[in-house]
């Protein structure tokens, strides 16, 4: 397992981007759970954000691709609208304990 960040650096309802082990990743905390994905839209393979750590739509309830406005469910990474509807972000296994948020790339 690789340390992604300290638990307190990813607040509830927040998203953050990371470069770890040669991968571009994003993590979102929702309802106390952390979800991690490769920072790569399945439509064109581009990074999802325009600005650092800005991965969520205006409501904070979906992950949004800044390039083509595709929207993804936070809990599963499934695209629910946009040019890649029905496809999904690549999930990264993660777990959290008192020492940190850990990933298994």
Foldseek 3Di string as FASTA:
>chain_A
DAFFWAPVVADELFKFWGQPPNFIKMWHHYPNDIWMFGQADPPPGDGQDPDGRPQADPVSQWGARPPFGFTAGNVWQATCDTPRHRDGTGTWDWDDDNGGIDTDD
